[in-house]
Amino acid sequence: IPFSRHERLGFLTFCPTNLGTTIRASVHIKVPNLSVDYTKFEQFAATY
């Protein structure tokens, strides 16, 4: 199957957040201590 790909935006998708590689690599991870302060947890994750 030929895929739709744009020279500037990569692989094209319905939502603009998924453009490019379209890759979403994820883990379900158990972090009960880090997630106690959810705001700080999100901020820490965002730095990466």
All heavy atoms as atom14 arrays in JSON, in Angstrom:
{
  "sequence": "IPFSRHERLGFLTFCPTNLGTTIRASVHIKVPNLSVDYTKFEQFAATY",
  "atom14_mask": [
    [1, 1, 1, 1, 1, 1, 1, 1, 0, 0, 0, 0, 0, 0],
    [1, 1, 1, 1, 1, 1, 1, 0, 0, 0, 0, 0, 0, 0],
    [1, 1, 1, 1, 1, 1, 1, 1, 1, 1, 1, 0, 0, 0],
    [1, 1, 1, 1, 1, 1, 0, 0, 0, 0, 0, 0, 0, 0],
    [1, 1, 1, 1, 1, 1, 1, 1, 1, 1, 1, 0, 0, 0],
    [1, 1, 1, 1, 1, 1, 1, 1, 1, 1, 0, 0, 0, 0],
    [1, 1, 1, 1, 1, 1, 1, 1, 1, 0, 0, 0, 0, 0],
    [1, 1, 1, 1, 1, 1, 1, 1, 1, 1, 1, 0, 0, 0],
    [1, 1, 1, 1, 1, 1, 1, 1, 0, 0, 0, 0, 0, 0],
    [1, 1, 1, 1, 0, 0, 0, 0, 0, 0, 0, 0, 0, 0],
    [1, 1, 1, 1, 1, 1, 1, 1, 1, 1, 1, 0, 0, 0],
    [1, 1, 1, 1, 1, 1, 1, 1, 0, 0, 0, 0, 0, 0],
    [1, 1, 1, 1, 1, 1, 1, 0, 0, 0, 0, 0, 0, 0],
    [1, 1, 1, 1, 1, 1, 1, 1, 1, 1, 1, 0, 0, 0],
    [1, 1, 1, 1, 1, 1, 0, 0, 0, 0, 0, 0, 0, 0],
    [1, 1, 1, 1, 1, 1, 1, 0, 0, 0, 0, 0, 0, 0],
    [1, 1, 1, 1, 1, 1, 1, 0, 0, 0, 0, 0, 0, 0],
    [1, 1, 1, 1, 1, 1, 1, 1, 0, 0, 0, 0, 0, 0],
    [1, 1, 1, 1, 1, 1, 1, 1, 0, 0, 0, 0, 0, 0],
    [1, 1, 1, 1, 0, 0, 0, 0, 0, 0, 0, 0, 0, 0],
    [1, 1, 1, 1, 1, 1, 1, 0, 0, 0, 0, 0, 0, 0],
    [1, 1, 1, 1, 1, 1, 1, 0, 0, 0, 0, 0, 0, 0],
    [1, 1, 1, 1, 1, 1, 1, 1, 0, 0, 0, 0, 0, 0],
    [1, 1, 1, 1, 1, 1, 1, 1, 1, 1, 1, 0, 0, 0],
    [1, 1, 1, 1, 1, 0, 0, 0, 0, 0, 0, 0, 0, 0],
    [1, 1, 1, 1, 1, 1, 0, 0, 0, 0, 0, 0, 0, 0],
    [1, 1, 1, 1, 1, 1, 1, 0, 0, 0, 0, 0, 0, 0],
    [1, 1, 1, 1, 1, 1, 1, 1, 1, 1, 0, 0, 0, 0],
    [1, 1, 1, 1, 1, 1, 1, 1, 0, 0, 0, 0, 0, 0],
    [1, 1, 1, 1, 1, 1, 1, 1, 1, 0, 0, 0, 0, 0],
    [1, 1, 1, 1, 1, 1, 1, 0, 0, 0, 0, 0, 0, 0],
    [1, 1, 1, 1, 1, 1, 1, 0, 0, 0, 0, 0, 0, 0],
    [1, 1, 1, 1, 1, 1, 1, 1, 0, 0, 0, 0, 0, 0],
    [1, 1, 1, 1, 1, 1, 1, 1, 0, 0, 0, 0, 0, 0],
    [1, 1, 1, 1, 1, 1, 0, 0, 0, 0, 0, 0, 0, 0],
    [1, 1, 1, 1, 1, 1, 1, 0, 0, 0, 0, 0, 0, 0],
    [1, 1, 1, 1, 1, 1, 1, 1, 0, 0, 0, 0, 0, 0],
    [1, 1, 1, 1, 1, 1, 1, 1, 1, 1, 1, 1, 0, 0],
    [1, 1, 1, 1, 1, 1, 1, 0, 0, 0, 0, 0, 0, 0],
    [1, 1, 1, 1, 1, 1, 1, 1, 1, 0, 0, 0, 0, 0],
    [1, 1, 1, 1, 1, 1, 1, 1, 1, 1, 1, 0, 0, 0],
    [1, 1, 1, 1, 1, 1, 1, 1, 1, 0, 0, 0, 0, 0],
    [1, 1, 1, 1, 1, 1, 1, 1, 1, 0, 0, 0, 0, 0],
    [1, 1, 1, 1, 1, 1, 1, 1, 1, 1, 1, 0, 0, 0],
    [1, 1, 1, 1, 1, 0, 0, 0, 0, 0, 0, 0, 0, 0],
    [1, 1, 1, 1, 1, 0, 0, 0, 0, 0, 0, 0, 0, 0],
    [1, 1, 1, 1, 1, 1, 1, 0, 0, 0, 0, 0, 0, 0],
    [1, 1, 1, 1, 1, 1, 1, 1, 1, 1, 1, 1, 0, 0]
  ],
  "atom14_positions": [
    [[0.84, -1.2, 0.0], [0.0, 0.0, 0.0], [0.88, 1.25, 0.0], [1.71, 1.42, 0.9], [-0.9, 0.04, 1.25], [-1.75, -1.22, 1.37], [-1.81, 1.27, 1.2], [-2.54, -1.28, 2.67], [0.0, 0.0, 0.0], [0.0, 0.0, 0.0], [0.0, 0.0, 0.0], [0.0, 0.0, 0.0], [0.0, 0.0, 0.0], [0.0, 0.0, 0.0]],
    [[0.7, 2.17, -0.97], [1.45, 3.43, -0.94], [0.87, 4.38, 0.12], [-0.35, 4.54, 0.21], [1.26, 3.99, -2.34], [0.0, 3.37, -2.83], [-0.11, 2.03, -2.19], [0.0, 0.0, 0.0], [0.0, 0.0, 0.0], [0.0, 0.0, 0.0], [0.0, 0.0, 0.0], [0.0, 0.0, 0.0], [0.0, 0.0, 0.0], [0.0, 0.0, 0.0]],
    [[1.75, 4.98, 0.92], [1.32, 5.89, 1.97], [1.44, 7.34, 1.52], [2.24, 7.69, 0.65], [2.18, 5.7, 3.23], [2.05, 4.34, 3.86], [3.18, 3.68, 4.34], [0.82, 3.72, 3.97], [3.06, 2.43, 4.94], [0.69, 2.47, 4.56], [1.82, 1.82, 5.04], [0.0, 0.0, 0.0], [0.0, 0.0, 0.0], [0.0, 0.0, 0.0]],
    [[0.66, 8.21, 2.15], [0.66, 9.64, 1.85], [1.77, 10.32, 2.65], [1.73, 10.33, 3.88], [-0.71, 10.23, 2.2], [-0.76, 11.59, 1.89], [0.0, 0.0, 0.0], [0.0, 0.0, 0.0], [0.0, 0.0, 0.0], [0.0, 0.0, 0.0], [0.0, 0.0, 0.0], [0.0, 0.0, 0.0], [0.0, 0.0, 0.0], [0.0, 0.0, 0.0]],
    [[2.74, 10.88, 1.94], [3.86, 11.53, 2.6], [4.18, 12.86, 1.94], [4.22, 12.95, 0.7], [5.1, 10.64, 2.6], [6.18, 11.09, 3.58], [7.37, 10.13, 3.6], [8.23, 10.33, 4.74], [9.13, 11.3, 4.86], [9.27, 12.16, 3.87], [9.87, 11.43, 5.95], [0.0, 0.0, 0.0], [0.0, 0.0, 0.0], [0.0, 0.0, 0.0]],
    [[4.44, 13.86, 2.74], [4.74, 15.2, 2.26], [6.21, 15.51, 2.52], [6.75, 15.15, 3.57], [3.83, 16.21, 2.99], [4.07, 17.63, 2.63], [4.26, 18.61, 3.56], [4.15, 18.23, 1.42], [4.45, 19.77, 2.94], [4.38, 19.57, 1.65], [0.0, 0.0, 0.0], [0.0, 0.0, 0.0], [0.0, 0.0, 0.0], [0.0, 0.0, 0.0]],
    [[6.85, 16.19, 1.6], [8.3, 16.43, 1.72], [8.66, 17.3, 2.92], [9.76, 17.19, 3.45], [8.85, 17.06, 0.44], [8.32, 18.46, 0.16], [8.92, 19.06, -1.1], [9.57, 18.32, -1.85], [8.75, 20.27, -1.32], [0.0, 0.0, 0.0], [0.0, 0.0, 0.0], [0.0, 0.0, 0.0], [0.0, 0.0, 0.0], [0.0, 0.0, 0.0]],
    [[7.74, 18.16, 3.37], [8.04, 19.01, 4.52], [7.45, 18.45, 5.81], [8.09, 18.51, 6.86], [7.49, 20.43, 4.29], [7.88, 21.39, 5.43], [7.45, 22.8, 5.14], [6.06, 23.06, 5.48], [5.63, 23.33, 6.72], [6.48, 23.34, 7.74], [4.35, 23.58, 6.94], [0.0, 0.0, 0.0], [0.0, 0.0, 0.0], [0.0, 0.0, 0.0]],
    [[6.24, 17.89, 5.75], [5.54, 17.47, 6.96], [5.64, 15.99, 7.26], [5.11, 15.51, 8.26], [4.06, 17.86, 6.85], [3.76, 19.36, 6.73], [2.27, 19.58, 6.54], [4.28, 20.12, 7.93], [0.0, 0.0, 0.0], [0.0, 0.0, 0.0], [0.0, 0.0, 0.0], [0.0, 0.0, 0.0], [0.0, 0.0, 0.0], [0.0, 0.0, 0.0]],
    [[6.31, 15.22, 6.42], [6.44, 13.79, 6.66], [5.15, 13.06, 6.34], [4.38, 13.46, 5.46], [0.0, 0.0, 0.0], [0.0, 0.0, 0.0], [0.0, 0.0, 0.0], [0.0, 0.0, 0.0], [0.0, 0.0, 0.0], [0.0, 0.0, 0.0], [0.0, 0.0, 0.0], [0.0, 0.0, 0.0], [0.0, 0.0, 0.0], [0.0, 0.0, 0.0]],
    [[4.88, 11.97, 7.06], [3.65, 11.2, 6.84], [2.45, 12.02, 7.31], [2.47, 12.58, 8.41], [3.73, 9.86, 7.57], [4.73, 8.93, 6.96], [5.97, 8.73, 7.57], [4.46, 8.27, 5.77], [6.91, 7.88, 7.01], [5.4, 7.42, 5.19], [6.62, 7.22, 5.81], [0.0, 0.0, 0.0], [0.0, 0.0, 0.0], [0.0, 0.0, 0.0]],
    [[1.43, 12.08, 6.48], [0.28, 12.94, 6.74], [-0.77, 12.22, 7.58], [-1.07, 11.05, 7.34], [-0.34, 13.42, 5.43], [0.56, 14.32, 4.58], [-0.13, 14.68, 3.27], [0.95, 15.58, 5.34], [0.0, 0.0, 0.0], [0.0, 0.0, 0.0], [0.0, 0.0, 0.0], [0.0, 0.0, 0.0], [0.0, 0.0, 0.0], [0.0, 0.0, 0.0]],
    [[-1.34, 12.95, 8.52], [-2.33, 12.39, 9.44], [-3.48, 13.38, 9.64], [-3.36, 14.57, 9.35], [-1.7, 12.08, 10.81], [-1.06, 13.28, 11.3], [-0.69, 10.95, 10.72], [0.0, 0.0, 0.0], [0.0, 0.0, 0.0], [0.0, 0.0, 0.0], [0.0, 0.0, 0.0], [0.0, 0.0, 0.0], [0.0, 0.0, 0.0], [0.0, 0.0, 0.0]],
    [[-4.57, 12.86, 10.17], [-5.77, 13.65, 10.44], [-5.5, 14.75, 11.46], [-5.92, 15.9, 11.3], [-6.87, 12.69, 10.93], [-8.2, 13.31, 11.22], [-8.76, 14.27, 10.39], [-8.93, 12.91, 12.34], [-10.01, 14.82, 10.66], [-10.18, 13.44, 12.61], [-10.71, 14.4, 11.77], [0.0, 0.0, 0.0], [0.0, 0.0, 0.0], [0.0, 0.0, 0.0]],
    [[-4.79, 14.42, 12.52], [-4.46, 15.4, 13.57], [-3.04, 15.92, 13.37], [-2.11, 15.13, 13.17], [-4.59, 14.75, 14.94], [-4.27, 15.9, 16.31], [0.0, 0.0, 0.0], [0.0, 0.0, 0.0], [0.0, 0.0, 0.0], [0.0, 0.0, 0.0], [0.0, 0.0, 0.0], [0.0, 0.0, 0.0], [0.0, 0.0, 0.0], [0.0, 0.0, 0.0]],
    [[-2.83, 17.23, 13.42], [-1.49, 17.77, 13.2], [-0.47, 17.37, 14.26], [0.74, 17.47, 14.03], [-1.71, 19.29, 13.21], [-3.0, 19.5, 13.94], [-3.83, 18.3, 13.63], [0.0, 0.0, 0.0], [0.0, 0.0, 0.0], [0.0, 0.0, 0.0], [0.0, 0.0, 0.0], [0.0, 0.0, 0.0], [0.0, 0.0, 0.0], [0.0, 0.0, 0.0]],
    [[-0.93, 16.88, 15.42], [0.03, 16.46, 16.45], [0.77, 15.19, 16.05], [1.82, 14.88, 16.61], [-0.68, 16.2, 17.79], [-1.58, 15.09, 17.66], [-1.44, 17.43, 18.25], [0.0, 0.0, 0.0], [0.0, 0.0, 0.0], [0.0, 0.0, 0.0], [0.0, 0.0, 0.0], [0.0, 0.0, 0.0], [0.0, 0.0, 0.0], [0.0, 0.0, 0.0]],
    [[0.23, 14.45, 15.08], [0.82, 13.17, 14.69], [1.65, 13.22, 13.41], [2.13, 12.2, 12.94], [-0.28, 12.11, 14.53], [-0.9, 11.72, 15.85], [-0.2, 11.58, 16.85], [-2.21, 11.58, 15.88], [0.0, 0.0, 0.0], [0.0, 0.0, 0.0], [0.0, 0.0, 0.0], [0.0, 0.0, 0.0], [0.0, 0.0, 0.0], [0.0, 0.0, 0.0]],
    [[1.8, 14.39, 12.84], [2.56, 14.52, 11.6], [4.01, 14.09, 11.75], [4.53, 13.98, 12.86], [2.52, 15.98, 11.13], [1.2, 16.53, 10.62], [1.26, 18.04, 10.51], [0.84, 15.91, 9.27], [0.0, 0.0, 0.0], [0.0, 0.0, 0.0], [0.0, 0.0, 0.0], [0.0, 0.0, 0.0], [0.0, 0.0, 0.0], [0.0, 0.0, 0.0]],
    [[4.66, 13.87, 10.63], [6.09, 13.56, 10.64], [6.34, 12.08, 10.73], [6.0, 11.32, 9.82], [0.0, 0.0, 0.0], [0.0, 0.0, 0.0], [0.0, 0.0, 0.0], [0.0, 0.0, 0.0], [0.0, 0.0, 0.0], [0.0, 0.0, 0.0], [0.0, 0.0, 0.0], [0.0, 0.0, 0.0], [0.0, 0.0, 0.0], [0.0, 0.0, 0.0]],
    [[6.94, 11.65, 11.82], [7.18, 10.23, 12.02], [5.87, 9.49, 12.33], [5.75, 8.3, 12.07], [8.12, 9.99, 13.21], [7.49, 10.45, 14.41], [9.45, 10.71, 13.02], [0.0, 0.0, 0.0], [0.0, 0.0, 0.0], [0.0, 0.0, 0.0], [0.0, 0.0, 0.0], [0.0, 0.0, 0.0], [0.0, 0.0, 0.0], [0.0, 0.0, 0.0]],
    [[4.92, 10.2, 12.91], [3.64, 9.69, 13.45], [3.87, 8.73, 14.61], [2.92, 8.13, 15.12], [2.77, 8.99, 12.38], [3.27, 7.68, 12.09], [2.69, 9.8, 11.1], [0.0, 0.0, 0.0], [0.0, 0.0, 0.0], [0.0, 0.0, 0.0], [0.0, 0.0, 0.0], [0.0, 0.0, 0.0], [0.0, 0.0, 0.0], [0.0, 0.0, 0.0]],
    [[5.11, 8.58, 15.04], [5.46, 7.61, 16.08], [5.0, 8.08, 17.46], [5.28, 9.21, 17.88], [6.99, 7.39, 16.13], [7.47, 6.63, 14.89], [7.4, 6.66, 17.4], [7.22, 5.15, 14.92], [0.0, 0.0, 0.0], [0.0, 0.0, 0.0], [0.0, 0.0, 0.0], [0.0, 0.0, 0.0], [0.0, 0.0, 0.0], [0.0, 0.0, 0.0]],
    [[4.31, 7.2, 18.17], [4.04, 7.41, 19.59], [4.53, 6.18, 20.33], [3.94, 5.11, 20.23], [2.56, 7.64, 19.87], [2.29, 7.94, 21.34], [0.82, 8.28, 21.61], [0.63, 8.65, 23.0], [0.37, 7.78, 24.0], [0.27, 6.49, 23.74], [0.23, 8.2, 25.23], [0.0, 0.0, 0.0], [0.0, 0.0, 0.0], [0.0, 0.0, 0.0]],
    [[5.65, 6.34, 21.02], [6.23, 5.24, 21.8], [5.91, 5.49, 23.26], [6.19, 6.57, 23.79], [7.74, 5.18, 21.59], [0.0, 0.0, 0.0], [0.0, 0.0, 0.0], [0.0, 0.0, 0.0], [0.0, 0.0, 0.0], [0.0, 0.0, 0.0], [0.0, 0.0, 0.0], [0.0, 0.0, 0.0], [0.0, 0.0, 0.0], [0.0, 0.0, 0.0]],
    [[5.3, 4.5, 23.92], [4.83, 4.74, 25.28], [5.06, 3.54, 26.18], [5.23, 2.41, 25.72], [3.33, 5.07, 25.27], [2.58, 3.97, 24.81], [0.0, 0.0, 0.0], [0.0, 0.0, 0.0], [0.0, 0.0, 0.0], [0.0, 0.0, 0.0], [0.0, 0.0, 0.0], [0.0, 0.0, 0.0], [0.0, 0.0, 0.0], [0.0, 0.0, 0.0]],
    [[5.05, 3.83, 27.46], [5.08, 2.79, 28.48], [3.98, 3.06, 29.49], [3.63, 4.22, 29.74], [6.44, 2.71, 29.22], [7.54, 2.25, 28.29], [6.79, 4.04, 29.88], [0.0, 0.0, 0.0], [0.0, 0.0, 0.0], [0.0, 0.0, 0.0], [0.0, 0.0, 0.0], [0.0, 0.0, 0.0], [0.0, 0.0, 0.0], [0.0, 0.0, 0.0]],
    [[3.42, 2.0, 30.04], [2.62, 2.12, 31.26], [3.59, 1.86, 32.4], [4.18, 0.78, 32.48], [1.48, 1.1, 31.26], [0.3, 1.54, 30.47], [-0.9, 0.85, 30.47], [0.1, 2.61, 29.65], [-1.77, 1.47, 29.69], [-1.19, 2.54, 29.18], [0.0, 0.0, 0.0], [0.0, 0.0, 0.0], [0.0, 0.0, 0.0], [0.0, 0.0, 0.0]],
    [[3.79, 2.88, 33.2], [4.86, 2.83, 34.2], [4.31, 3.13, 35.6], [3.47, 4.03, 35.76], [5.99, 3.81, 33.81], [7.2, 3.66, 34.71], [5.49, 5.25, 33.79], [8.43, 4.4, 34.18], [0.0, 0.0, 0.0], [0.0, 0.0, 0.0], [0.0, 0.0, 0.0], [0.0, 0.0, 0.0], [0.0, 0.0, 0.0], [0.0, 0.0, 0.0]],
    [[4.79, 2.4, 36.57], [4.33, 2.57, 37.95], [5.28, 3.5, 38.7], [6.42, 3.13, 38.99], [4.25, 1.21, 38.65], [3.55, 1.25, 40.0], [3.32, -0.15, 40.55], [2.52, -0.11, 41.85], [2.24, -1.47, 42.38], [0.0, 0.0, 0.0], [0.0, 0.0, 0.0], [0.0, 0.0, 0.0], [0.0, 0.0, 0.0], [0.0, 0.0, 0.0]],
    [[4.8, 4.7, 38.99], [5.61, 5.71, 39.67], [4.78, 6.38, 40.78], [4.49, 7.57, 40.71], [6.16, 6.75, 38.68], [7.32, 6.2, 37.87], [5.04, 7.23, 37.72], [0.0, 0.0, 0.0], [0.0, 0.0, 0.0], [0.0, 0.0, 0.0], [0.0, 0.0, 0.0], [0.0, 0.0, 0.0], [0.0, 0.0, 0.0], [0.0, 0.0, 0.0]],
    [[4.41, 5.64, 41.82], [3.52, 6.19, 42.86], [4.12, 7.36, 43.61], [3.38, 8.25, 44.06], [3.28, 4.99, 43.78], [4.43, 4.06, 43.53], [4.77, 4.23, 42.09], [0.0, 0.0, 0.0], [0.0, 0.0, 0.0], [0.0, 0.0, 0.0], [0.0, 0.0, 0.0], [0.0, 0.0, 0.0], [0.0, 0.0, 0.0], [0.0, 0.0, 0.0]],
    [[5.43, 7.39, 43.78], [6.06, 8.5, 44.51], [6.18, 9.75, 43.65], [5.84, 10.86, 44.08], [7.45, 8.08, 45.0], [7.4, 6.98, 46.03], [6.98, 7.17, 47.16], [7.81, 5.77, 45.64], [0.0, 0.0, 0.0], [0.0, 0.0, 0.0], [0.0, 0.0, 0.0], [0.0, 0.0, 0.0], [0.0, 0.0, 0.0], [0.0, 0.0, 0.0]],
    [[6.62, 9.58, 42.44], [6.81, 10.72, 41.54], [5.48, 11.38, 41.18], [5.4, 12.6, 41.0], [7.53, 10.27, 40.27], [7.93, 11.34, 39.25], [8.78, 12.42, 39.89], [8.64, 10.7, 38.07], [0.0, 0.0, 0.0], [0.0, 0.0, 0.0], [0.0, 0.0, 0.0], [0.0, 0.0, 0.0], [0.0, 0.0, 0.0], [0.0, 0.0, 0.0]],
    [[4.42, 10.59, 41.11], [3.13, 11.11, 40.67], [2.29, 11.69, 41.8], [1.17, 12.16, 41.55], [2.34, 10.02, 39.95], [2.09, 8.91, 40.81], [0.0, 0.0, 0.0], [0.0, 0.0, 0.0], [0.0, 0.0, 0.0], [0.0, 0.0, 0.0], [0.0, 0.0, 0.0], [0.0, 0.0, 0.0], [0.0, 0.0, 0.0], [0.0, 0.0, 0.0]],
    [[2.8, 11.68, 43.03], [2.05, 12.28, 44.15], [1.76, 13.75, 43.86], [0.65, 14.23, 44.05], [2.84, 12.14, 45.47], [2.25, 13.04, 46.54], [2.82, 10.69, 45.94], [0.0, 0.0, 0.0], [0.0, 0.0, 0.0], [0.0, 0.0, 0.0], [0.0, 0.0, 0.0], [0.0, 0.0, 0.0], [0.0, 0.0, 0.0], [0.0, 0.0, 0.0]],
    [[2.77, 14.46, 43.39], [2.59, 15.85, 42.94], [2.49, 15.8, 41.42], [3.5, 15.84, 40.72], [3.76, 16.71, 43.38], [3.52, 18.2, 43.13], [2.81, 18.52, 42.17], [4.06, 19.03, 43.89], [0.0, 0.0, 0.0], [0.0, 0.0, 0.0], [0.0, 0.0, 0.0], [0.0, 0.0, 0.0], [0.0, 0.0, 0.0], [0.0, 0.0, 0.0]],
    [[1.25, 15.7, 40.92], [1.06, 15.47, 39.49], [1.59, 16.62, 38.63], [2.15, 16.39, 37.56], [-0.43, 15.26, 39.2], [-0.7, 14.88, 37.77], [-0.41, 13.61, 37.29], [-1.25, 15.81, 36.87], [-0.64, 13.25, 35.97], [-1.49, 15.47, 35.55], [-1.17, 14.18, 35.11], [-1.4, 13.84, 33.79], [0.0, 0.0, 0.0], [0.0, 0.0, 0.0]],
    [[1.45, 17.84, 39.11], [1.94, 18.99, 38.35], [3.45, 18.92, 38.15], [3.96, 19.12, 37.04], [1.56, 20.31, 39.04], [0.13, 20.39, 39.14], [2.07, 21.51, 38.26], [0.0, 0.0, 0.0], [0.0, 0.0, 0.0], [0.0, 0.0, 0.0], [0.0, 0.0, 0.0], [0.0, 0.0, 0.0], [0.0, 0.0, 0.0], [0.0, 0.0, 0.0]],
    [[4.17, 18.61, 39.24], [5.63, 18.49, 39.12], [6.01, 17.3, 38.25], [7.0, 17.34, 37.52], [6.25, 18.36, 40.51], [6.27, 19.65, 41.31], [7.05, 19.48, 42.61], [7.13, 20.79, 43.37], [7.88, 20.64, 44.65], [0.0, 0.0, 0.0], [0.0, 0.0, 0.0], [0.0, 0.0, 0.0], [0.0, 0.0, 0.0], [0.0, 0.0, 0.0]],
    [[5.23, 16.24, 38.34], [5.46, 15.05, 37.52], [5.36, 15.42, 36.04], [6.24, 15.08, 35.22], [4.42, 14.0, 37.89], [4.47, 12.73, 37.09], [5.66, 12.23, 36.58], [3.3, 12.01, 36.87], [5.69, 11.04, 35.86], [3.31, 10.82, 36.14], [4.51, 10.34, 35.63], [0.0, 0.0, 0.0], [0.0, 0.0, 0.0], [0.0, 0.0, 0.0]],
    [[4.31, 16.13, 35.67], [4.14, 16.56, 34.28], [5.28, 17.48, 33.84], [5.78, 17.36, 32.72], [2.81, 17.3, 34.11], [1.61, 16.4, 33.9], [0.41, 17.17, 33.39], [0.12, 18.24, 33.96], [-0.23, 16.71, 32.44], [0.0, 0.0, 0.0], [0.0, 0.0, 0.0], [0.0, 0.0, 0.0], [0.0, 0.0, 0.0], [0.0, 0.0, 0.0]],
    [[5.66, 18.38, 34.73], [6.74, 19.31, 34.4], [8.06, 18.58, 34.19], [8.83, 18.9, 33.28], [6.88, 20.36, 35.49], [5.72, 21.33, 35.57], [5.77, 22.24, 36.78], [6.54, 22.0, 37.73], [4.94, 23.28, 36.79], [0.0, 0.0, 0.0], [0.0, 0.0, 0.0], [0.0, 0.0, 0.0], [0.0, 0.0, 0.0], [0.0, 0.0, 0.0]],
    [[8.34, 17.59, 35.04], [9.55, 16.8, 34.9], [9.55, 16.05, 33.57], [10.55, 16.05, 32.83], [9.69, 15.82, 36.06], [10.95, 15.01, 36.03], [12.15, 15.56, 36.46], [10.95, 13.7, 35.56], [13.33, 14.82, 36.43], [12.12, 12.95, 35.53], [13.31, 13.52, 35.97], [0.0, 0.0, 0.0], [0.0, 0.0, 0.0], [0.0, 0.0, 0.0]],
    [[8.43, 15.43, 33.24], [8.31, 14.69, 31.98], [8.49, 15.62, 30.78], [9.13, 15.26, 29.79], [6.96, 13.98, 31.91], [0.0, 0.0, 0.0], [0.0, 0.0, 0.0], [0.0, 0.0, 0.0], [0.0, 0.0, 0.0], [0.0, 0.0, 0.0], [0.0, 0.0, 0.0], [0.0, 0.0, 0.0], [0.0, 0.0, 0.0], [0.0, 0.0, 0.0]],
    [[7.94, 16.83, 30.89], [8.01, 17.78, 29.78], [9.43, 18.22, 29.46], [9.75, 18.55, 28.31], [7.15, 19.0, 30.09], [0.0, 0.0, 0.0], [0.0, 0.0, 0.0], [0.0, 0.0, 0.0], [0.0, 0.0, 0.0], [0.0, 0.0, 0.0], [0.0, 0.0, 0.0], [0.0, 0.0, 0.0], [0.0, 0.0, 0.0], [0.0, 0.0, 0.0]],
    [[10.31, 18.19, 30.47], [11.71, 18.57, 30.21], [12.39, 17.57, 29.28], [13.42, 17.88, 28.68], [12.52, 18.68, 31.52], [12.55, 17.39, 32.16], [11.92, 19.71, 32.45], [0.0, 0.0, 0.0], [0.0, 0.0, 0.0], [0.0, 0.0, 0.0], [0.0, 0.0, 0.0], [0.0, 0.0, 0.0], [0.0, 0.0, 0.0], [0.0, 0.0, 0.0]],
    [[11.81, 16.4, 29.15], [12.33, 15.38, 28.23], [11.42, 15.21, 27.01], [11.52, 14.22, 26.29], [12.46, 14.04, 28.96], [13.55, 14.04, 30.01], [13.25, 14.38, 31.34], [14.87, 13.74, 29.68], [14.24, 14.41, 32.3], [15.86, 13.77, 30.65], [15.54, 14.1, 31.95], [16.54, 14.12, 32.91], [0.0, 0.0, 0.0], [0.0, 0.0, 0.0]]
  ]
}
